[in-house]
Protein backbone atom coordinates (compact mmCIF):
# COMPACT_ATOMS: atom_id res chain seq x y z
CA UNK A 1 41.97 149.79 84.92
CA UNK A 2 43.36 151.92 82.65
CA UNK A 3 46.87 150.83 83.18
CA UNK A 4 45.94 147.54 82.75
CA UNK A 5 44.52 148.11 79.17
CA UNK A 6 47.52 149.85 77.90
CA UNK A 7 49.88 146.84 79.15
CA UNK A 8 51.61 144.30 76.18
CA UNK A 9 50.11 141.05 76.48
CA UNK A 10 47.31 139.71 74.93
CA UNK A 11 46.21 139.82 71.41
CA UNK A 12 42.75 141.66 72.63
CA UNK A 13 45.10 143.83 74.47
CA UNK A 14 46.95 144.91 72.03
CA UNK A 15 44.38 144.87 69.29
CA UNK A 16 45.64 141.95 67.67
CA UNK A 17 44.09 139.08 65.82
CA UNK A 18 46.23 135.81 67.05
CA UNK A 19 43.79 133.65 65.55
CA UNK A 20 44.34 135.15 62.77
CA UNK A 21 47.75 135.57 62.87
CA UNK A 22 49.16 131.95 64.13
CA UNK A 23 46.52 130.96 61.01
CA UNK A 24 47.96 132.14 58.71
CA UNK A 25 51.42 131.72 59.69
CA UNK A 26 51.20 128.61 60.59
CA UNK A 27 49.29 127.43 57.13
CA UNK A 28 52.74 129.33 54.97
CA UNK A 29 55.12 127.77 56.51
CA UNK A 30 53.46 124.25 56.47
CA UNK A 31 53.68 124.33 52.80
CA UNK A 32 56.89 125.20 52.69
CA UNK A 33 57.95 122.53 55.88
CA UNK A 34 55.62 120.07 52.63
CA UNK A 35 57.46 121.25 49.92
CA UNK A 36 61.43 121.18 51.64
CA UNK A 37 60.49 117.07 53.23
CA UNK A 38 58.40 115.93 50.07
CA UNK A 39 60.86 117.28 47.35
CA UNK A 40 64.12 117.52 49.24
CA UNK A 41 64.53 115.93 51.87
CA UNK A 42 62.20 112.78 50.35
CA UNK A 43 64.53 111.71 47.73
CA UNK A 44 66.98 111.71 50.77
CA UNK A 45 65.36 109.29 53.22
CA UNK A 46 66.36 106.05 54.52
CA UNK A 47 66.83 103.42 53.53
CA UNK A 48 67.25 104.97 50.61
CA UNK A 49 65.79 102.76 47.10
CA UNK A 50 68.48 100.23 46.27
CA UNK A 51 65.30 97.61 45.75
CA UNK A 52 62.40 97.84 45.51
CA UNK A 53 61.14 97.01 49.01
CA UNK A 54 63.76 99.44 49.89
CA UNK A 55 61.96 102.19 47.78
CA UNK A 56 58.99 101.37 50.05
CA UNK A 57 59.91 101.98 53.13
CA UNK A 58 61.54 105.05 52.23
CA UNK A 59 58.58 106.38 50.43
CA UNK A 60 56.48 105.73 53.06
CA UNK A 61 58.24 107.75 55.59
CA UNK A 62 58.66 110.63 53.96
CA UNK A 63 54.29 110.01 53.58
CA UNK A 64 54.63 110.09 56.96
CA UNK A 65 57.71 113.10 57.80
CA UNK A 66 55.26 115.00 54.95
CA UNK A 67 52.25 114.62 57.51
CA UNK A 68 54.41 115.40 61.17
CA UNK A 69 55.43 117.98 59.60
CA UNK A 70 52.76 120.44 60.13
CA UNK A 71 51.86 119.05 63.14
CA UNK A 72 55.84 119.99 64.66
CA UNK A 73 55.65 122.97 62.89
CA UNK A 74 51.92 123.59 65.03
CA UNK A 75 53.30 122.57 67.82
CA UNK A 76 56.04 124.75 68.02
CA UNK A 77 54.60 127.93 66.28
CA UNK A 78 52.32 127.59 69.15
CA UNK A 79 54.79 127.67 71.79
CA UNK A 80 57.20 129.95 70.34
CA UNK A 81 54.42 132.44 70.12
CA UNK A 82 53.46 131.92 73.66
CA UNK A 83 56.45 132.33 75.01
CA UNK A 84 56.58 135.76 72.74
CA UNK A 85 53.03 137.97 73.06
CA UNK A 86 51.35 135.86 75.80
CA UNK A 87 54.03 135.53 78.76
CA UNK A 88 52.69 137.26 81.86
CA UNK A 89 54.63 141.44 81.79
CA UNK A 90 56.33 142.39 84.68
CA UNK A 91 53.96 143.92 87.57
CA UNK A 92 50.90 142.17 86.40
CA UNK A 93 49.22 139.72 88.55
CA UNK A 94 46.38 138.73 88.27
CA UNK A 95 44.55 135.74 86.54
CA UNK A 96 44.04 134.83 83.08
CA UNK A 97 40.86 134.79 81.78
CA UNK A 98 38.89 131.64 83.30
CA UNK A 99 37.47 129.04 80.14
CA UNK A 100 34.46 127.26 79.94
CA UNK A 101 35.27 125.25 76.65
CA UNK A 102 35.00 126.00 72.71
CA UNK A 103 32.76 123.74 71.01
CA UNK A 104 33.90 124.94 67.66
CA UNK A 105 37.51 124.46 68.62
CA UNK A 106 36.61 121.00 70.06
CA UNK A 107 34.51 119.79 67.77
CA UNK A 108 37.72 120.83 64.81
CA UNK A 109 39.76 118.87 66.82
CA UNK A 110 38.28 115.95 67.22
CA UNK A 111 37.40 115.53 63.41
CA UNK A 112 40.09 116.39 62.11
CA UNK A 113 42.40 113.73 64.62
CA UNK A 114 39.51 111.21 63.45
CA UNK A 115 40.11 112.32 59.99
CA UNK A 116 44.43 111.36 60.04
CA UNK A 117 44.30 108.66 62.49
CA UNK A 118 41.98 106.18 59.65
CA UNK A 119 43.38 108.20 56.81
CA UNK A 120 47.00 106.92 57.81
CA UNK A 121 45.69 103.38 59.02
CA UNK A 122 43.89 102.43 54.85
CA UNK A 123 47.21 104.12 53.88
CA UNK A 124 49.38 101.58 56.25
CA UNK A 125 47.07 98.54 55.37
CA UNK A 126 47.46 99.09 51.67
CA UNK A 127 51.20 99.70 52.39
CA UNK A 128 51.62 96.69 54.51
CA UNK A 129 49.88 94.49 51.19
CA UNK A 130 50.80 95.49 48.36
CA UNK A 131 54.45 96.40 48.21
CA UNK A 132 56.23 93.92 50.06
CA UNK A 133 54.35 92.65 53.43
CA UNK A 134 55.60 93.29 56.65
CA UNK A 135 58.89 95.11 55.38
CA UNK A 136 60.62 92.57 53.08
CA UNK A 137 60.44 90.13 56.09
CA UNK A 138 58.53 87.18 55.94
CA UNK A 139 58.52 84.82 58.95
CA UNK A 140 58.80 81.19 58.60
CA UNK A 141 55.75 80.98 56.76
CA UNK A 142 55.18 83.44 54.17
CA UNK A 143 51.67 84.96 53.11
CA UNK A 144 49.85 85.38 49.99
CA UNK A 145 47.09 87.40 49.53
CA UNK A 146 45.14 84.20 47.74
CA UNK A 147 46.16 81.49 50.07
CA UNK A 148 48.43 80.88 46.74
CA UNK A 149 52.36 80.51 45.55
CA UNK A 150 54.30 83.22 44.29
CA UNK A 151 53.94 81.23 41.33
CA UNK A 152 50.13 81.56 41.43
CA UNK A 153 50.02 84.89 43.15
CA UNK A 154 50.83 87.99 41.30
CA UNK A 155 49.56 90.18 43.88
CA UNK A 156 50.89 87.69 46.61
CA UNK A 157 53.43 89.76 49.50
CA UNK A 158 56.15 86.87 48.07
CA UNK A 159 57.17 87.32 44.66
CA UNK A 160 54.32 87.04 41.98
CA UNK A 161 57.03 84.63 39.81
CA UNK A 162 58.94 80.82 40.28
CA UNK A 163 62.63 82.81 39.18
CA UNK A 164 63.55 83.47 42.43
CA UNK A 165 67.17 83.52 43.54
CA UNK A 166 67.58 81.39 47.00
CA UNK A 167 70.31 82.35 49.39
CA UNK A 168 70.15 80.70 52.79
CA UNK A 169 71.80 83.69 55.27
CA UNK A 170 73.67 81.36 57.98
CA UNK A 171 74.65 83.27 61.54
CA UNK A 172 77.11 81.48 63.62
CA UNK A 173 78.98 83.96 66.34
CA UNK A 174 80.21 85.83 64.70
CA UNK A 175 79.85 85.64 61.10
CA UNK A 176 77.90 85.40 58.66
CA UNK A 177 77.40 82.58 55.04
CA UNK A 178 75.52 82.21 52.58
CA UNK A 179 73.85 79.13 50.63
CA UNK A 180 73.58 78.57 47.13
CA UNK A 181 71.30 75.66 46.70
CA UNK A 182 70.16 76.53 43.33
CA UNK A 183 74.28 76.42 42.75
CA UNK A 184 75.32 72.95 43.20
CA UNK A 185 74.64 74.34 46.79
CA UNK A 186 77.44 75.96 47.67
CA UNK A 187 78.51 77.70 50.81
CA UNK A 188 80.47 81.56 51.20
CA UNK A 189 81.60 83.75 53.69
CA UNK A 190 80.50 86.64 49.84
CA UNK A 191 77.06 87.22 49.06
CA UNK A 192 76.47 88.41 46.06
CA UNK A 193 73.04 88.71 43.93
CA UNK A 194 71.95 89.65 40.81
CA UNK A 195 70.12 93.55 39.96
CA UNK A 196 67.16 93.74 39.19
CA UNK A 197 66.21 89.41 40.50
CA UNK A 198 63.88 88.91 43.14
CA UNK A 199 66.02 87.25 46.45
CA UNK A 200 64.39 84.92 48.45
CA UNK A 201 66.57 85.36 51.86
CA UNK A 202 66.17 81.94 53.82
CA UNK A 203 67.26 83.25 57.50
CA UNK A 204 68.12 80.38 60.06
CA UNK A 205 71.34 80.46 62.96
CA UNK A 206 73.31 77.72 63.81
CA UNK A 207 73.43 78.70 68.05
CA UNK A 208 71.88 81.95 69.31
CA UNK A 209 69.40 84.73 67.96
CA UNK A 210 70.88 86.85 65.85
CA UNK A 211 69.24 89.08 63.03
CA UNK A 212 70.24 89.92 59.53
CA UNK A 213 70.10 93.44 58.24
CA UNK A 214 70.66 94.53 55.39
CA UNK A 215 69.86 97.66 55.75
CA UNK A 216 69.54 99.42 52.53
CA UNK A 217 68.25 96.58 50.71
CA UNK A 218 64.83 96.63 53.56
CA UNK A 219 65.51 93.31 54.42
CA UNK A 220 65.73 92.83 57.98
CA UNK A 221 64.67 88.98 59.39
CA UNK A 222 65.62 86.74 62.93
CA UNK A 223 67.71 84.15 62.23
CA UNK A 224 66.77 81.72 64.71
CA UNK A 225 68.45 78.36 65.36
CA UNK A 226 65.76 75.83 64.06
CA UNK A 227 63.97 78.06 62.26
CA UNK A 228 63.62 79.06 58.21
CA UNK A 229 63.05 82.69 58.26
CA UNK A 230 62.50 83.89 54.19
CA UNK A 231 62.43 87.99 53.64
CA UNK A 232 62.28 89.04 50.27
CA UNK A 233 64.47 91.43 48.07
CA UNK A 234 64.71 92.73 44.08
CA UNK A 235 67.39 95.25 43.94
CA UNK A 236 68.02 97.97 41.27
CA UNK A 237 71.28 99.09 41.55
CA UNK A 238 74.53 97.58 41.38
CA UNK A 239 76.95 98.02 43.86
CA UNK A 240 77.88 97.37 47.74
CA UNK A 241 75.64 97.01 50.60
CA UNK A 242 76.62 96.69 54.67
CA UNK A 243 75.08 92.94 56.12
CA UNK A 244 74.58 93.89 60.44
CA UNK A 245 73.58 91.81 63.23
CA UNK A 246 70.87 93.44 64.42
CA UNK A 247 70.66 90.95 67.89
CA UNK A 248 72.84 90.51 70.55
CA UNK A 249 74.98 88.12 70.11
CA UNK A 250 77.51 87.91 71.94
CA UNK A 251 80.83 88.85 73.15
CA UNK A 252 82.06 89.90 69.22
CA UNK A 253 78.04 90.76 67.92
CA UNK A 254 79.45 94.26 66.94
CA UNK A 255 81.90 93.18 64.73
CA UNK A 256 79.97 90.61 62.99
CA UNK A 257 78.85 92.67 59.53
CA UNK A 258 79.31 92.04 56.37
CA UNK A 259 79.77 93.56 52.90
CA UNK A 260 77.81 92.36 49.86
CA UNK A 261 77.41 92.92 46.29
CA UNK A 262 74.81 93.37 43.93
CA UNK A 263 75.83 92.55 40.24
CA UNK A 264 74.69 92.37 36.73
CA UNK A 265 73.36 88.91 35.44
CA UNK A 266 76.32 88.14 33.73
CA UNK A 267 78.49 88.42 36.41
CA UNK A 268 76.33 87.08 39.31
CA UNK A 269 76.04 83.88 37.41
CA UNK A 270 80.44 83.84 36.05
CA UNK A 271 81.00 84.28 40.16
CA UNK A 272 78.84 80.89 40.78
CA UNK A 273 80.65 79.14 38.63
CA UNK A 274 83.62 80.42 39.91
CA UNK A 275 83.42 79.96 43.84
CA UNK A 276 81.16 76.83 42.97
CA UNK A 277 84.50 75.07 41.88
CA UNK A 278 86.83 76.83 44.18
CA UNK A 279 84.08 75.39 46.75
CA UNK A 280 83.82 71.92 45.52
CA UNK A 281 86.27 70.91 48.67
CA UNK A 282 83.92 72.36 51.48
CA UNK A 283 80.42 71.53 49.96
CA UNK A 284 81.71 68.27 50.08
CA UNK A 285 81.75 68.41 53.82
CA UNK A 286 78.56 70.25 53.86
CA UNK A 287 74.83 68.14 54.84
CA UNK A 288 72.55 68.35 52.26
CA UNK A 289 70.69 71.47 52.11
CA UNK A 290 67.88 71.98 53.96
CA UNK A 291 66.07 75.18 55.77
CA UNK A 292 67.26 74.43 59.11
CA UNK A 293 70.59 72.97 60.25
CA UNK A 294 71.76 70.47 63.93
CA UNK A 295 74.72 72.60 64.72
CA UNK A 296 75.60 69.02 67.55
CA UNK A 297 75.83 66.71 63.82
CA UNK A 298 77.98 69.07 62.06
CA UNK A 299 81.55 69.69 61.72
CA UNK A 300 81.86 72.90 62.12
CA UNK A 301 85.70 73.35 62.73
CA UNK A 302 86.27 71.85 59.26
CA UNK A 303 83.71 73.74 57.58
CA UNK A 304 84.64 76.99 59.40
CA UNK A 305 88.80 76.94 58.88
CA UNK A 306 87.88 75.81 55.46
CA UNK A 307 85.99 78.89 54.80
CA UNK A 308 88.46 81.26 56.28
CA UNK A 309 86.35 81.43 59.76
CA UNK A 310 89.07 79.82 61.99
CA UNK A 311 89.32 80.34 65.77
CA UNK A 312 89.07 78.66 69.19
CA UNK A 313 87.94 75.13 68.88
CA UNK A 314 87.01 75.19 65.46
CA UNK A 315 84.78 78.84 66.12
CA UNK A 316 84.88 82.27 64.68
CA UNK A 317 87.05 84.46 66.75
CA UNK A 318 88.48 87.27 64.58
CA UNK A 319 92.28 86.69 64.83
CA UNK A 320 92.22 90.44 64.43
CA UNK A 321 89.90 91.09 68.06
CA UNK A 322 92.67 91.78 71.40
CA UNK A 323 90.86 88.84 73.16
CA UNK A 324 90.20 85.28 72.41
CA UNK A 325 87.55 83.44 74.54
């Protein structure tokens, strides 16, 4: 027994108060870790802060990361402490002391985890309703908190204004085209929006399911044939942003990407005027603007050729691709 008492191992045997040490180290590391996540890593959290919606999502990720930091530190600290101080010593074949439960630990654990879950539920509900709805993607029927349209509902999930730029996003194998109904209904392969202007994307498809993903704008909406899925954004900085298809849609899904641009309002208006004039011939071949289109009634061959989307049968097969269907 004397030999066992002198054997390094548990805190009780070595005279060390493991609980006090663990708690102290955990508190110190958690404070440092939370500050690093919130103040250093937080400003760089995805998807960035190029739009109101993206900034809201980045804030949510920062909050969740900050809350998760003490949990991760606690698990790793406990694991490391067990490896360093509680592992079985050479020649020690005795069993550990039996556990009979601890009411204080159990009560603290239940109370703590319940408080965290309930707080996150409240925070998540508030963030879901106030800034942008479900991640800036509204679906075919945008939700308004008081059942009123945007002009009458400043607190709706949609922008509370009638001054919204409408941009139709049309997915097709394998390219995006964009139509501007407020500027004569021209269609182009360029996506340009003005800064500090609420934009409503009306997203649809001419063939299979695609997914419109403007990552740095905090926008993602499925492009389904025969369906108009609505998404909102308000860009806050000028510059380029990337558009991807985020739904496997066929052989050239990986090359279905584009680069959009956020311009000043004056630059955007100048661009729409020039593009409307340039695309006037193509606009004449387009059907009247609608939220969805029947591809069997469209002359896609001529339209896509005029847009520069040339390929077999009028469909979009990039000539640079190594294989052609």
